């Protein structure tokens, strides 16, 4: 494979990741287990892998409590807040608000 072919392959991979980022939601509104984040989102996956590595976890070592810790840490970051604002602009404020309300504690949802 030549340098040019490798370059084209890399550019195609970047295009695909950008397209994937634009079509997937950061929040996972239909998670059957109540988790908030879509860990397969291109912005979340590297953070997820780093978190597991830092905790010394393998493929099956994650517990629900550790997953919640990861989600709270990621959602608290200013960068992720900015990304969620961009997502809100892309999909619409109403749909995004319904998704966020699904994860709000009961007292916040009522108030």
C-alpha atoms as a PDB file:
ATOM      1  CA  UNK A   1       0.000   0.000   0.000  1.00  0.00           C
ATOM      2  CA  UNK A   2       1.397   3.367  -0.965  1.00  0.00           C
ATOM      3  CA  UNK A   3       1.535   6.461   1.172  1.00  0.00           C
ATOM      4  CA  UNK A   4      -1.237   8.051  -0.907  1.00  0.00           C
ATOM      5  CA  UNK A   5      -3.512   5.046  -0.406  1.00  0.00           C
ATOM      6  CA  UNK A   6      -2.863   5.079   3.332  1.00  0.00           C
ATOM      7  CA  UNK A   7      -3.633   8.798   3.438  1.00  0.00           C
ATOM      8  CA  UNK A   8      -6.910   8.277   1.570  1.00  0.00           C
ATOM      9  CA  UNK A   9      -7.856   5.441   3.911  1.00  0.00           C
ATOM     10  CA  UNK A  10      -7.208   7.648   6.921  1.00  0.00           C
ATOM     11  CA  UNK A  11      -9.253  10.510   5.451  1.00  0.00           C
ATOM     12  CA  UNK A  12     -12.149   8.126   4.771  1.00  0.00           C
ATOM     13  CA  UNK A  13     -11.986   6.826   8.335  1.00  0.00           C
ATOM     14  CA  UNK A  14     -12.115  10.398   9.692  1.00  0.00           C
ATOM     15  CA  UNK A  15     -15.100  11.195   7.446  1.00  0.00           C
ATOM     16  CA  UNK A  16     -16.902   8.083   8.670  1.00  0.00           C
ATOM     17  CA  UNK A  17     -16.241   8.958  12.319  1.00  0.00           C
ATOM     18  CA  UNK A  18     -17.524  12.495  11.796  1.00  0.00           C
ATOM     19  CA  UNK A  19     -20.654  11.169  10.093  1.00  0.00           C
ATOM     20  CA  UNK A  20     -21.147   8.656  12.904  1.00  0.00           C
ATOM     21  CA  UNK A  21     -20.742  11.431  15.468  1.00  0.00           C
ATOM     22  CA  UNK A  22     -23.450  13.463  13.784  1.00  0.00           C
ATOM     23  CA  UNK A  23     -25.943  10.596  13.567  1.00  0.00           C
ATOM     24  CA  UNK A  24     -25.591   9.158  17.089  1.00  0.00           C
ATOM     25  CA  UNK A  25     -26.848  10.825  20.240  1.00  0.00           C
ATOM     26  CA  UNK A  26     -24.589  11.329  23.252  1.00  0.00           C
ATOM     27  CA  UNK A  27     -27.463  10.506  25.587  1.00  0.00           C
ATOM     28  CA  UNK A  28     -29.056   7.082  25.366  1.00  0.00           C
ATOM     29  CA  UNK A  29     -32.787   7.719  25.826  1.00  0.00           C
ATOM     30  CA  UNK A  30     -33.900   4.115  25.455  1.00  0.00           C
ATOM     31  CA  UNK A  31     -31.354   2.309  27.631  1.00  0.00           C
ATOM     32  CA  UNK A  32     -33.114  -0.625  29.274  1.00  0.00           C
ATOM     33  CA  UNK A  33     -30.814  -0.452  32.320  1.00  0.00           C
ATOM     34  CA  UNK A  34     -31.280   3.247  33.037  1.00  0.00           C
ATOM     35  CA  UNK A  35     -27.832   4.391  31.971  1.00  0.00           C
ATOM     36  CA  UNK A  36     -27.628   7.887  30.566  1.00  0.00           C
ATOM     37  CA  UNK A  37     -24.754   7.828  28.079  1.00  0.00           C
ATOM     38  CA  UNK A  38     -24.353   6.063  24.781  1.00  0.00           C
ATOM     39  CA  UNK A  39     -20.907   4.552  25.333  1.00  0.00           C
ATOM     40  CA  UNK A  40     -20.586   3.767  21.637  1.00  0.00           C
ATOM     41  CA  UNK A  41     -20.719   7.447  20.684  1.00  0.00           C
ATOM     42  CA  UNK A  42     -17.358   8.495  19.155  1.00  0.00           C
ATOM     43  CA  UNK A  43     -16.859  11.196  21.822  1.00  0.00           C
ATOM     44  CA  UNK A  44     -17.709   8.906  24.732  1.00  0.00           C
ATOM     45  CA  UNK A  45     -15.944   5.675  23.711  1.00  0.00           C
ATOM     46  CA  UNK A  46     -12.347   6.902  24.248  1.00  0.00           C
ATOM     47  CA  UNK A  47     -13.308   8.260  27.683  1.00  0.00           C
ATOM     48  CA  UNK A  48     -15.005   4.961  28.508  1.00  0.00           C
ATOM     49  CA  UNK A  49     -11.924   2.957  27.506  1.00  0.00           C
ATOM     50  CA  UNK A  50      -9.651   5.292  29.504  1.00  0.00           C
ATOM     51  CA  UNK A  51     -11.903   4.994  32.571  1.00  0.00           C
ATOM     52  CA  UNK A  52     -11.846   1.199  32.422  1.00  0.00           C
ATOM     53  CA  UNK A  53      -8.092   1.208  31.947  1.00  0.00           C
ATOM     54  CA  UNK A  54      -7.553   3.593  34.879  1.00  0.00           C
ATOM     55  CA  UNK A  55      -9.691   1.373  37.106  1.00  0.00           C
ATOM     56  CA  UNK A  56      -7.890  -1.763  35.907  1.00  0.00           C
ATOM     57  CA  UNK A  57     -11.066  -3.310  34.527  1.00  0.00           C
ATOM     58  CA  UNK A  58     -11.284  -5.861  31.784  1.00  0.00           C
ATOM     59  CA  UNK A  59     -14.138  -6.436  29.403  1.00  0.00           C
ATOM     60  CA  UNK A  60     -16.444  -7.834  32.096  1.00  0.00           C
ATOM     61  CA  UNK A  61     -15.252  -6.052  35.265  1.00  0.00           C
ATOM     62  CA  UNK A  62     -17.579  -3.051  35.126  1.00  0.00           C
ATOM     63  CA  UNK A  63     -20.242  -2.765  37.798  1.00  0.00           C
ATOM     64  CA  UNK A  64     -23.361  -0.601  37.758  1.00  0.00           C
ATOM     65  CA  UNK A  65     -21.851   1.674  40.422  1.00  0.00           C
ATOM     66  CA  UNK A  66     -18.692   2.206  38.368  1.00  0.00           C
ATOM     67  CA  UNK A  67     -20.767   2.915  35.274  1.00  0.00           C
ATOM     68  CA  UNK A  68     -22.747   5.544  37.185  1.00  0.00           C
ATOM     69  CA  UNK A  69     -19.491   7.057  38.475  1.00  0.00           C
ATOM     70  CA  UNK A  70     -18.205   7.253  34.905  1.00  0.00           C
ATOM     71  CA  UNK A  71     -21.414   8.875  33.667  1.00  0.00           C
ATOM     72  CA  UNK A  72     -21.478  11.445  36.470  1.00  0.00           C
ATOM     73  CA  UNK A  73     -17.856  12.372  35.776  1.00  0.00           C
ATOM     74  CA  UNK A  74     -18.388  12.735  32.048  1.00  0.00           C
ATOM     75  CA  UNK A  75     -21.671  14.647  32.344  1.00  0.00           C
ATOM     76  CA  UNK A  76     -20.104  17.063  34.849  1.00  0.00           C
ATOM     77  CA  UNK A  77     -17.336  18.116  32.448  1.00  0.00           C
ATOM     78  CA  UNK A  78     -17.712  21.495  30.746  1.00  0.00           C
ATOM     79  CA  UNK A  79     -16.616  19.975  27.439  1.00  0.00           C
ATOM     80  CA  UNK A  80     -19.429  17.433  27.510  1.00  0.00           C
ATOM     81  CA  UNK A  81     -21.929  20.141  28.449  1.00  0.00           C
ATOM     82  CA  UNK A  82     -20.820  22.055  25.346  1.00  0.00           C
ATOM     83  CA  UNK A  83     -21.182  18.939  23.188  1.00  0.00           C
ATOM     84  CA  UNK A  84     -24.685  18.346  24.531  1.00  0.00           C
ATOM     85  CA  UNK A  85     -25.611  21.956  23.716  1.00  0.00           C
ATOM     86  CA  UNK A  86     -24.463  21.379  20.143  1.00  0.00           C
ATOM     87  CA  UNK A  87     -26.462  18.162  20.020  1.00  0.00           C
ATOM     88  CA  UNK A  88     -29.500  20.037  21.306  1.00  0.00           C
ATOM     89  CA  UNK A  89     -29.160  22.590  18.516  1.00  0.00           C
ATOM     90  CA  UNK A  90     -28.891  19.802  15.969  1.00  0.00           C
ATOM     91  CA  UNK A  91     -31.867  17.673  17.046  1.00  0.00           C
ATOM     92  CA  UNK A  92     -34.047  20.424  18.472  1.00  0.00           C
ATOM     93  CA  UNK A  93     -34.574  21.775  21.947  1.00  0.00           C
ATOM     94  CA  UNK A  94     -37.866  19.989  22.627  1.00  0.00           C
ATOM     95  CA  UNK A  95     -36.603  16.488  21.805  1.00  0.00           C
ATOM     96  CA  UNK A  96     -33.395  17.088  23.738  1.00  0.00           C
ATOM     97  CA  UNK A  97     -35.322  18.349  26.783  1.00  0.00           C
ATOM     98  CA  UNK A  98     -37.496  15.201  26.805  1.00  0.00           C
ATOM     99  CA  UNK A  99     -34.361  13.067  26.708  1.00  0.00           C
ATOM    100  CA  UNK A 100     -32.783  15.015  29.583  1.00  0.00           C
ATOM    101  CA  UNK A 101     -36.000  14.883  31.625  1.00  0.00           C
ATOM    102  CA  UNK A 102     -36.017  11.109  31.337  1.00  0.00           C
ATOM    103  CA  UNK A 103     -32.813  11.088  33.417  1.00  0.00           C
ATOM    104  CA  UNK A 104     -33.753  13.766  35.956  1.00  0.00           C
ATOM    105  CA  UNK A 105     -34.491  12.626  39.511  1.00  0.00           C
ATOM    106  CA  UNK A 106     -38.221  12.530  40.305  1.00  0.00           C
ATOM    107  CA  UNK A 107     -38.124  15.744  42.369  1.00  0.00           C
ATOM    108  CA  UNK A 108     -36.501  17.689  39.502  1.00  0.00           C
ATOM    109  CA  UNK A 109     -38.964  16.335  36.958  1.00  0.00           C
ATOM    110  CA  UNK A 110     -41.902  17.423  39.140  1.00  0.00           C
ATOM    111  CA  UNK A 111     -40.516  20.924  39.795  1.00  0.00           C
END
